[in-house]
PDB file of N, CA and C in Angstrom:
ATOM      1  N   UNK A   1     109.784  77.760 101.521  1.00  0.00           N
ATOM      2  CA  UNK A   1     108.437  78.470 102.207  1.00  0.00           C
ATOM      3  C   UNK A   1     109.197  80.110 101.416  1.00  0.00           C
ATOM      4  N   UNK A   2     108.644  81.298 101.808  1.00  0.00           N
ATOM      5  CA  UNK A   2     108.983  82.814 101.281  1.00  0.00           C
ATOM      6  C   UNK A   2     108.209  83.451 102.441  1.00  0.00           C
ATOM      7  N   UNK A   3     108.655  84.440 102.587  1.00  0.00           N
ATOM      8  CA  UNK A   3     108.338  86.186 103.833  1.00  0.00           C
ATOM      9  C   UNK A   3     109.576  86.619 104.177  1.00  0.00           C
ATOM     10  N   UNK A   4     109.138  87.985 103.656  1.00  0.00           N
ATOM     11  CA  UNK A   4     110.853  89.007 104.279  1.00  0.00           C
ATOM     12  C   UNK A   4     111.059  89.047 105.749  1.00  0.00           C
ATOM     13  N   UNK A   5     109.997  88.453 106.358  1.00  0.00           N
ATOM     14  CA  UNK A   5     110.153  88.490 108.079  1.00  0.00           C
ATOM     15  C   UNK A   5     110.672  87.302 108.077  1.00  0.00           C
ATOM     16  N   UNK A   6     110.751  86.406 107.467  1.00  0.00           N
ATOM     17  CA  UNK A   6     111.241  84.447 107.737  1.00  0.00           C
ATOM     18  C   UNK A   6     112.133  84.655 108.836  1.00  0.00           C
ATOM     19  N   UNK A   7     111.496  84.273 110.299  1.00  0.00           N
ATOM     20  CA  UNK A   7     112.043  83.189 111.125  1.00  0.00           C
ATOM     21  C   UNK A   7     112.832  81.705 111.414  1.00  0.00           C
ATOM     22  N   UNK A   8     113.507  81.599 110.677  1.00  0.00           N
ATOM     23  CA  UNK A   8     114.770  80.343 110.512  1.00  0.00           C
ATOM     24  C   UNK A   8     114.482  79.753 112.187  1.00  0.00           C
ATOM     25  N   UNK A   9     114.408  80.676 113.079  1.00  0.00           N
ATOM     26  CA  UNK A   9     113.685  80.137 114.420  1.00  0.00           C
ATOM     27  C   UNK A   9     112.166  78.763 114.902  1.00  0.00           C
ATOM     28  N   UNK A  10     111.757  79.189 113.389  1.00  0.00           N
ATOM     29  CA  UNK A  10     110.461  78.635 113.547  1.00  0.00           C
ATOM     30  C   UNK A  10     110.577  77.629 112.696  1.00  0.00           C
ATOM     31  N   UNK A  11     111.030  76.180 113.986  1.00  0.00           N
ATOM     32  CA  UNK A  11     110.525  75.241 113.615  1.00  0.00           C
ATOM     33  C   UNK A  11     109.383  74.240 113.574  1.00  0.00           C
ATOM     34  N   UNK A  12     109.524  73.214 112.162  1.00  0.00           N
ATOM     35  CA  UNK A  12     108.496  72.566 112.416  1.00  0.00           C
ATOM     36  C   UNK A  12     107.077  73.448 112.076  1.00  0.00           C
ATOM     37  N   UNK A  13     107.140  74.613 111.345  1.00  0.00           N
ATOM     38  CA  UNK A  13     105.921  74.888 111.171  1.00  0.00           C
ATOM     39  C   UNK A  13     104.232  74.040 110.661  1.00  0.00           C
ATOM     40  N   UNK A  14     103.492  74.953 110.928  1.00  0.00           N
ATOM     41  CA  UNK A  14     102.006  73.904 109.945  1.00  0.00           C
ATOM     42  C   UNK A  14     101.333  74.620 109.899  1.00  0.00           C
ATOM     43  N   UNK A  15     100.554  74.429 108.254  1.00  0.00           N
ATOM     44  CA  UNK A  15      99.489  74.525 107.851  1.00  0.00           C
ATOM     45  C   UNK A  15      98.536  75.004 109.094  1.00  0.00           C
ATOM     46  N   UNK A  16      98.417  76.583 108.605  1.00  0.00           N
ATOM     47  CA  UNK A  16      96.979  76.872 109.199  1.00  0.00           C
ATOM     48  C   UNK A  16      95.690  77.909 108.995  1.00  0.00           C
ATOM     49  N   UNK A  17      96.029  78.115 107.497  1.00  0.00           N
ATOM     50  CA  UNK A  17      95.239  78.206 106.534  1.00  0.00           C
ATOM     51  C   UNK A  17      95.781  78.019 105.434  1.00  0.00           C
ATOM     52  N   UNK A  18      95.099  78.259 104.179  1.00  0.00           N
ATOM     53  CA  UNK A  18      94.721  78.237 102.421  1.00  0.00           C
ATOM     54  C   UNK A  18      94.533  79.526 102.235  1.00  0.00           C
ATOM     55  N   UNK A  19      95.266  80.495 102.030  1.00  0.00           N
ATOM     56  CA  UNK A  19      94.366  81.508 101.129  1.00  0.00           C
ATOM     57  C   UNK A  19      94.235  81.281  99.451  1.00  0.00           C
ATOM     58  N   UNK A  20      93.192  82.444  98.792  1.00  0.00           N
ATOM     59  CA  UNK A  20      92.626  81.785  97.966  1.00  0.00           C
ATOM     60  C   UNK A  20      93.335  83.612  97.601  1.00  0.00           C
ATOM     61  N   UNK A  21      94.352  84.136  96.500  1.00  0.00           N
ATOM     62  CA  UNK A  21      95.370  85.606  96.961  1.00  0.00           C
ATOM     63  C   UNK A  21      95.625  85.884  97.775  1.00  0.00           C
ATOM     64  N   UNK A  22      96.000  87.661  97.524  1.00  0.00           N
ATOM     65  CA  UNK A  22      96.939  88.364  98.102  1.00  0.00           C
ATOM     66  C   UNK A  22      96.059  89.352  99.015  1.00  0.00           C
ATOM     67  N   UNK A  23      95.323  89.419  99.170  1.00  0.00           N
ATOM     68  CA  UNK A  23      93.778  90.108  99.303  1.00  0.00           C
ATOM     69  C   UNK A  23      93.585  88.984 100.651  1.00  0.00           C
ATOM     70  N   UNK A  24      93.242  87.716 100.875  1.00  0.00           N
ATOM     71  CA  UNK A  24      93.304  87.506 101.580  1.00  0.00           C
ATOM     72  C   UNK A  24      94.049  86.477 102.628  1.00  0.00           C
ATOM     73  N   UNK A  25      95.353  86.614 102.099  1.00  0.00           N
ATOM     74  CA  UNK A  25      96.223  86.185 103.012  1.00  0.00           C
ATOM     75  C   UNK A  25      96.851  87.627 103.445  1.00  0.00           C
ATOM     76  N   UNK A  26      96.995  88.400 102.916  1.00  0.00           N
ATOM     77  CA  UNK A  26      97.036  89.253 103.749  1.00  0.00           C
ATOM     78  C   UNK A  26      96.232  90.014 105.266  1.00  0.00           C
ATOM     79  N   UNK A  27      95.097  89.860 105.008  1.00  0.00           N
ATOM     80  CA  UNK A  27      94.073  89.752 106.502  1.00  0.00           C
ATOM     81  C   UNK A  27      94.402  88.597 106.833  1.00  0.00           C
ATOM     82  N   UNK A  28      94.800  87.597 106.736  1.00  0.00           N
ATOM     83  CA  UNK A  28      94.844  85.979 107.907  1.00  0.00           C
ATOM     84  C   UNK A  28      96.073  86.748 108.232  1.00  0.00           C
ATOM     85  N   UNK A  29      97.251  87.267 108.071  1.00  0.00           N
ATOM     86  CA  UNK A  29      98.542  87.182 108.675  1.00  0.00           C
ATOM     87  C   UNK A  29      98.624  88.328 108.833  1.00  0.00           C
ATOM     88  N   UNK A  30      97.823  89.883 108.953  1.00  0.00           N
ATOM     89  CA  UNK A  30      97.355  90.670 109.933  1.00  0.00           C
ATOM     90  C   UNK A  30      97.114  90.797 111.042  1.00  0.00           C
ATOM     91  N   UNK A  31      96.016  89.874 110.522  1.00  0.00           N
ATOM     92  CA  UNK A  31      95.421  89.823 111.691  1.00  0.00           C
ATOM     93  C   UNK A  31      95.928  88.384 113.293  1.00  0.00           C
ATOM     94  N   UNK A  32      96.488  87.387 112.484  1.00  0.00           N
ATOM     95  CA  UNK A  32      97.931  86.800 113.284  1.00  0.00           C
ATOM     96  C   UNK A  32      98.833  87.861 113.569  1.00  0.00           C
ATOM     97  N   UNK A  33      99.115  88.589 113.534  1.00  0.00           N
ATOM     98  CA  UNK A  33     100.106  89.466 113.524  1.00  0.00           C
ATOM     99  C   UNK A  33      99.637  89.653 115.377  1.00  0.00           C
ATOM    100  N   UNK A  34      98.418  91.212 114.888  1.00  0.00           N
ATOM    101  CA  UNK A  34      98.276  91.479 115.431  1.00  0.00           C
ATOM    102  C   UNK A  34      97.867  90.665 117.258  1.00  0.00           C
ATOM    103  N   UNK A  35      97.782  89.649 116.908  1.00  0.00           N
ATOM    104  CA  UNK A  35      97.701  88.713 118.015  1.00  0.00           C
ATOM    105  C   UNK A  35      99.151  88.201 118.294  1.00  0.00           C
ATOM    106  N   UNK A  36      99.995  88.542 118.223  1.00  0.00           N
ATOM    107  CA  UNK A  36     101.975  88.839 118.240  1.00  0.00           C
ATOM    108  C   UNK A  36     101.813  87.219 117.614  1.00  0.00           C
ATOM    109  N   UNK A  37     101.791  85.906 116.902  1.00  0.00           N
ATOM    110  CA  UNK A  37     101.439  85.428 116.379  1.00  0.00           C
ATOM    111  C   UNK A  37     101.957  85.153 114.634  1.00  0.00           C
ATOM    112  N   UNK A  38     103.203  85.223 114.711  1.00  0.00           N
ATOM    113  CA  UNK A  38     104.249  85.425 112.974  1.00  0.00           C
ATOM    114  C   UNK A  38     103.524  84.494 113.094  1.00  0.00           C
ATOM    115  N   UNK A  39     103.646  84.784 111.241  1.00  0.00           N
ATOM    116  CA  UNK A  39     103.150  83.409 110.200  1.00  0.00           C
ATOM    117  C   UNK A  39     103.797  83.780 108.439  1.00  0.00           C
ATOM    118  N   UNK A  40     104.764  82.222 108.065  1.00  0.00           N
ATOM    119  CA  UNK A  40     105.259  82.351 107.114  1.00  0.00           C
ATOM    120  C   UNK A  40     104.441  81.745 106.342  1.00  0.00           C
ATOM    121  N   UNK A  41     104.570  82.268 104.749  1.00  0.00           N
ATOM    122  CA  UNK A  41     104.095  80.810 103.714  1.00  0.00           C
ATOM    123  C   UNK A  41     104.463  80.837 102.870  1.00  0.00           C
ATOM    124  N   UNK A  42     103.671  79.335 102.413  1.00  0.00           N
ATOM    125  CA  UNK A  42     104.275  78.579 101.455  1.00  0.00           C
ATOM    126  C   UNK A  42     103.519  78.718  99.945  1.00  0.00           C
ATOM    127  N   UNK A  43     103.832  78.431  98.538  1.00  0.00           N
ATOM    128  CA  UNK A  43     103.551  78.486  97.582  1.00  0.00           C
ATOM    129  C   UNK A  43     102.633  79.782  96.888  1.00  0.00           C
ATOM    130  N   UNK A  44     103.294  80.540  96.953  1.00  0.00           N
ATOM    131  CA  UNK A  44     102.936  81.631  96.010  1.00  0.00           C
ATOM    132  C   UNK A  44     103.337  82.253  94.777  1.00  0.00           C
ATOM    133  N   UNK A  45     104.247  80.811  94.095  1.00  0.00           N
ATOM    134  CA  UNK A  45     104.900  81.475  92.642  1.00  0.00           C
ATOM    135  C   UNK A  45     103.752  81.176  91.347  1.00  0.00           C
ATOM    136  N   UNK A  46     102.852  80.778  91.849  1.00  0.00           N
ATOM    137  CA  UNK A  46     102.194  81.267  90.144  1.00  0.00           C
ATOM    138  C   UNK A  46     101.925  82.270  90.498  1.00  0.00           C
ATOM    139  N   UNK A  47     101.610  82.798  91.288  1.00  0.00           N
ATOM    140  CA  UNK A  47     100.963  83.921  91.851  1.00  0.00           C
ATOM    141  C   UNK A  47     101.931  85.333  91.372  1.00  0.00           C
ATOM    142  N   UNK A  48     102.793  84.824  92.030  1.00  0.00           N
ATOM    143  CA  UNK A  48     103.389  86.203  91.746  1.00  0.00           C
ATOM    144  C   UNK A  48     104.530  86.059  90.322  1.00  0.00           C
ATOM    145  N   UNK A  49     104.282  85.040  89.922  1.00  0.00           N
ATOM    146  CA  UNK A  49     105.020  84.880  88.715  1.00  0.00           C
ATOM    147  C   UNK A  49     103.683  85.021  87.320  1.00  0.00           C
ATOM    148  N   UNK A  50     102.743  84.270  87.163  1.00  0.00           N
ATOM    149  CA  UNK A  50     101.405  84.315  86.055  1.00  0.00           C
ATOM    150  C   UNK A  50      99.877  85.082  86.677  1.00  0.00           C
ATOM    151  N   UNK A  51     100.463  86.147  88.056  1.00  0.00           N
ATOM    152  CA  UNK A  51      98.951  85.973  88.555  1.00  0.00           C
ATOM    153  C   UNK A  51      97.451  85.291  88.449  1.00  0.00           C
ATOM    154  N   UNK A  52      98.814  84.096  89.187  1.00  0.00           N
ATOM    155  CA  UNK A  52      97.383  83.695  88.976  1.00  0.00           C
ATOM    156  C   UNK A  52      96.731  83.328  90.383  1.00  0.00           C
ATOM    157  N   UNK A  53      94.694  83.611  90.516  1.00  0.00           N
ATOM    158  CA  UNK A  53      94.474  83.498  91.300  1.00  0.00           C
ATOM    159  C   UNK A  53      93.142  82.618  91.661  1.00  0.00           C
ATOM    160  N   UNK A  54      93.012  81.639  89.919  1.00  0.00           N
ATOM    161  CA  UNK A  54      91.780  81.199  90.709  1.00  0.00           C
ATOM    162  C   UNK A  54      91.881  78.977  90.523  1.00  0.00           C
ATOM    163  N   UNK A  55      90.832  78.035  90.421  1.00  0.00           N
ATOM    164  CA  UNK A  55      90.922  77.467  90.306  1.00  0.00           C
ATOM    165  C   UNK A  55      91.720  76.983  91.763  1.00  0.00           C
ATOM    166  N   UNK A  56      91.970  77.725  93.153  1.00  0.00           N
ATOM    167  CA  UNK A  56      93.482  77.135  93.971  1.00  0.00           C
ATOM    168  C   UNK A  56      94.723  77.254  93.139  1.00  0.00           C
ATOM    169  N   UNK A  57      95.289  78.126  91.795  1.00  0.00           N
ATOM    170  CA  UNK A  57      96.759  77.800  91.318  1.00  0.00           C
ATOM    171  C   UNK A  57      97.556  79.272  92.201  1.00  0.00           C
ATOM    172  N   UNK A  58      96.752  80.474  92.273  1.00  0.00           N
ATOM    173  CA  UNK A  58      97.169  80.696  93.422  1.00  0.00           C
ATOM    174  C   UNK A  58      97.493  81.126  94.658  1.00  0.00           C
ATOM    175  N   UNK A  59      96.734  79.402  95.360  1.00  0.00           N
ATOM    176  CA  UNK A  59      96.411  79.909  96.613  1.00  0.00           C
ATOM    177  C   UNK A  59      97.967  79.328  97.026  1.00  0.00           C
ATOM    178  N   UNK A  60      97.871  80.384  98.892  1.00  0.00           N
ATOM    179  CA  UNK A  60      99.302  80.452  99.590  1.00  0.00           C
ATOM    180  C   UNK A  60      98.519  79.195 100.525  1.00  0.00           C
ATOM    181  N   UNK A  61      99.891  78.646 101.258  1.00  0.00           N
ATOM    182  CA  UNK A  61      99.060  77.907 102.480  1.00  0.00           C
ATOM    183  C   UNK A  61     100.491  79.024 103.520  1.00  0.00           C
ATOM    184  N   UNK A  62      99.400  79.610 104.484  1.00  0.00           N
ATOM    185  CA  UNK A  62      99.666  80.350 105.958  1.00  0.00           C
ATOM    186  C   UNK A  62      99.761  78.698 107.099  1.00  0.00           C
ATOM    187  N   UNK A  63     101.218  79.560 106.939  1.00  0.00           N
ATOM    188  CA  UNK A  63     101.748  78.682 108.667  1.00  0.00           C
ATOM    189  C   UNK A  63     102.574  79.328 109.607  1.00  0.00           C
ATOM    190  N   UNK A  64     101.974  78.584 111.518  1.00  0.00           N
ATOM    191  CA  UNK A  64     103.082  79.388 112.354  1.00  0.00           C
ATOM    192  C   UNK A  64     103.489  78.271 112.663  1.00  0.00           C
ATOM    193  N   UNK A  65     104.200  78.629 113.991  1.00  0.00           N
ATOM    194  CA  UNK A  65     105.063  77.900 115.220  1.00  0.00           C
ATOM    195  C   UNK A  65     103.977  76.803 114.951  1.00  0.00           C
ATOM    196  N   UNK A  66     104.421  75.741 115.299  1.00  0.00           N
ATOM    197  CA  UNK A  66     103.468  74.337 116.375  1.00  0.00           C
ATOM    198  C   UNK A  66     103.130  75.143 117.923  1.00  0.00           C
ATOM    199  N   UNK A  67     103.869  75.747 118.739  1.00  0.00           N
ATOM    200  CA  UNK A  67     103.416  76.407 119.922  1.00  0.00           C
ATOM    201  C   UNK A  67     102.247  77.416 119.464  1.00  0.00           C
ATOM    202  N   UNK A  68     101.842  77.430 118.382  1.00  0.00           N
ATOM    203  CA  UNK A  68     100.977  79.013 117.742  1.00  0.00           C
ATOM    204  C   UNK A  68      99.551  78.506 117.196  1.00  0.00           C
ATOM    205  N   UNK A  69     100.495  77.054 117.277  1.00  0.00           N
ATOM    206  CA  UNK A  69      98.881  76.813 115.847  1.00  0.00           C
ATOM    207  C   UNK A  69      97.584  76.379 116.859  1.00  0.00           C
ATOM    208  N   UNK A  70      97.085  76.024 118.191  1.00  0.00           N
ATOM    209  CA  UNK A  70      95.658  75.980 118.628  1.00  0.00           C
ATOM    210  C   UNK A  70      95.913  77.531 118.871  1.00  0.00           C
ATOM    211  N   UNK A  71      96.678  78.331 119.292  1.00  0.00           N
ATOM    212  CA  UNK A  71      95.801  79.279 119.549  1.00  0.00           C
ATOM    213  C   UNK A  71      95.221  80.107 117.930  1.00  0.00           C
ATOM    214  N   UNK A  72      95.640  80.235 116.860  1.00  0.00           N
ATOM    215  CA  UNK A  72      95.896  81.049 115.810  1.00  0.00           C
ATOM    216  C   UNK A  72      94.639  79.989 115.248  1.00  0.00           C
ATOM    217  N   UNK A  73      94.264  78.781 114.979  1.00  0.00           N
ATOM    218  CA  UNK A  73      92.948  78.577 115.109  1.00  0.00           C
ATOM    219  C   UNK A  73      92.148  79.033 115.667  1.00  0.00           C
ATOM    220  N   UNK A  74      92.080  78.918 117.543  1.00  0.00           N
ATOM    221  CA  UNK A  74      91.144  79.527 117.310  1.00  0.00           C
ATOM    222  C   UNK A  74      90.473  80.209 117.553  1.00  0.00           C
ATOM    223  N   UNK A  75      91.805  81.744 117.131  1.00  0.00           N
ATOM    224  CA  UNK A  75      91.042  83.194 116.579  1.00  0.00           C
ATOM    225  C   UNK A  75      90.298  82.922 115.650  1.00  0.00           C
ATOM    226  N   UNK A  76      91.720  81.843 114.653  1.00  0.00           N
ATOM    227  CA  UNK A  76      90.304  82.042 112.860  1.00  0.00           C
ATOM    228  C   UNK A  76      89.075  81.551 113.228  1.00  0.00           C
ATOM    229  N   UNK A  77      89.185  80.646 114.099  1.00  0.00           N
ATOM    230  CA  UNK A  77      87.741  79.962 114.475  1.00  0.00           C
ATOM    231  C   UNK A  77      86.756  81.087 114.673  1.00  0.00           C
ATOM    232  N   UNK A  78      86.820  81.824 115.588  1.00  0.00           N
ATOM    233  CA  UNK A  78      86.230  83.131 116.817  1.00  0.00           C
ATOM    234  C   UNK A  78      86.080  84.074 115.634  1.00  0.00           C
ATOM    235  N   UNK A  79      87.096  84.503 114.487  1.00  0.00           N
ATOM    236  CA  UNK A  79      86.859  85.233 113.733  1.00  0.00           C
ATOM    237  C   UNK A  79      85.521  84.891 112.638  1.00  0.00           C
ATOM    238  N   UNK A  80      85.789  83.373 111.929  1.00  0.00           N
ATOM    239  CA  UNK A  80      85.049  82.628 110.844  1.00  0.00           C
ATOM    240  C   UNK A  80      83.366  82.964 112.027  1.00  0.00           C
ATOM    241  N   UNK A  81      82.908  83.188 112.870  1.00  0.00           N
ATOM    242  CA  UNK A  81      82.152  82.739 113.947  1.00  0.00           C
ATOM    243  C   UNK A  81      81.468  83.803 113.925  1.00  0.00           C
ATOM    244  N   UNK A  82      82.240  85.476 113.598  1.00  0.00           N
ATOM    245  CA  UNK A  82      81.623  86.329 113.678  1.00  0.00           C
ATOM    246  C   UNK A  82      81.709  87.014 115.157  1.00  0.00           C
ATOM    247  N   UNK A  83      82.541  85.929 115.993  1.00  0.00           N
ATOM    248  CA  UNK A  83      82.463  86.416 117.660  1.00  0.00           C
ATOM    249  C   UNK A  83      83.605  87.921 118.090  1.00  0.00           C
ATOM    250  N   UNK A  84      84.231  88.333 116.786  1.00  0.00           N
ATOM    251  CA  UNK A  84      85.363  89.735 117.321  1.00  0.00           C
ATOM    252  C   UNK A  84      84.863  90.987 116.891  1.00  0.00           C
ATOM    253  N   UNK A  85      85.000  92.029 117.282  1.00  0.00           N
ATOM    254  CA  UNK A  85      84.540  93.093 117.072  1.00  0.00           C
ATOM    255  C   UNK A  85      85.563  93.337 116.843  1.00  0.00           C
ATOM    256  N   UNK A  86      85.229  95.148 116.392  1.00  0.00           N
ATOM    257  CA  UNK A  86      86.999  96.154 116.309  1.00  0.00           C
ATOM    258  C   UNK A  86      86.427  97.299 117.234  1.00  0.00           C
ATOM    259  N   UNK A  87      87.274  97.380 118.475  1.00  0.00           N
ATOM    260  CA  UNK A  87      86.393  98.806 119.250  1.00  0.00           C
ATOM    261  C   UNK A  87      86.557  99.907 119.387  1.00  0.00           C
ATOM    262  N   UNK A  88      84.923 100.627 118.328  1.00  0.00           N
ATOM    263  CA  UNK A  88      85.783 101.557 117.927  1.00  0.00           C
ATOM    264  C   UNK A  88      85.807 102.960 118.595  1.00  0.00           C
ATOM    265  N   UNK A  89      86.033 103.104 120.337  1.00  0.00           N
ATOM    266  CA  UNK A  89      86.192 103.969 121.141  1.00  0.00           C
ATOM    267  C   UNK A  89      87.402 104.479 121.373  1.00  0.00           C
ATOM    268  N   UNK A  90      86.907 105.823 120.902  1.00  0.00           N
ATOM    269  CA  UNK A  90      88.693 106.854 121.018  1.00  0.00           C
ATOM    270  C   UNK A  90      88.618 106.869 122.540  1.00  0.00           C
ATOM    271  N   UNK A  91      88.874 106.112 123.594  1.00  0.00           N
ATOM    272  CA  UNK A  91      89.219 105.953 124.460  1.00  0.00           C
ATOM    273  C   UNK A  91      90.826 106.882 124.956  1.00  0.00           C
ATOM    274  N   UNK A  92      90.700 108.006 126.025  1.00  0.00           N
ATOM    275  CA  UNK A  92      92.649 108.544 125.856  1.00  0.00           C
ATOM    276  C   UNK A  92      92.651 108.681 126.768  1.00  0.00           C
TER     277      UNK A  92
END
């Protein structure tokens, strides 16, 4: 598993999403990080070495600690259903 911020205290990580390409990976990981859910990835070797991102060859799995699995899946499902929005008010 690879991640610049890999936390070896993350025991038994579980796959919660498979991203097809770096943009999708970054979006999902940033979304989860904004909700205080740390992630790690595995499987990016072909994408990094050969630039492959089609037909699943450049896919990466996004993993979270088992204690974050339920919340991460709930958040991703809510986002997929369009239930989340960005509050663009500039309250100070």
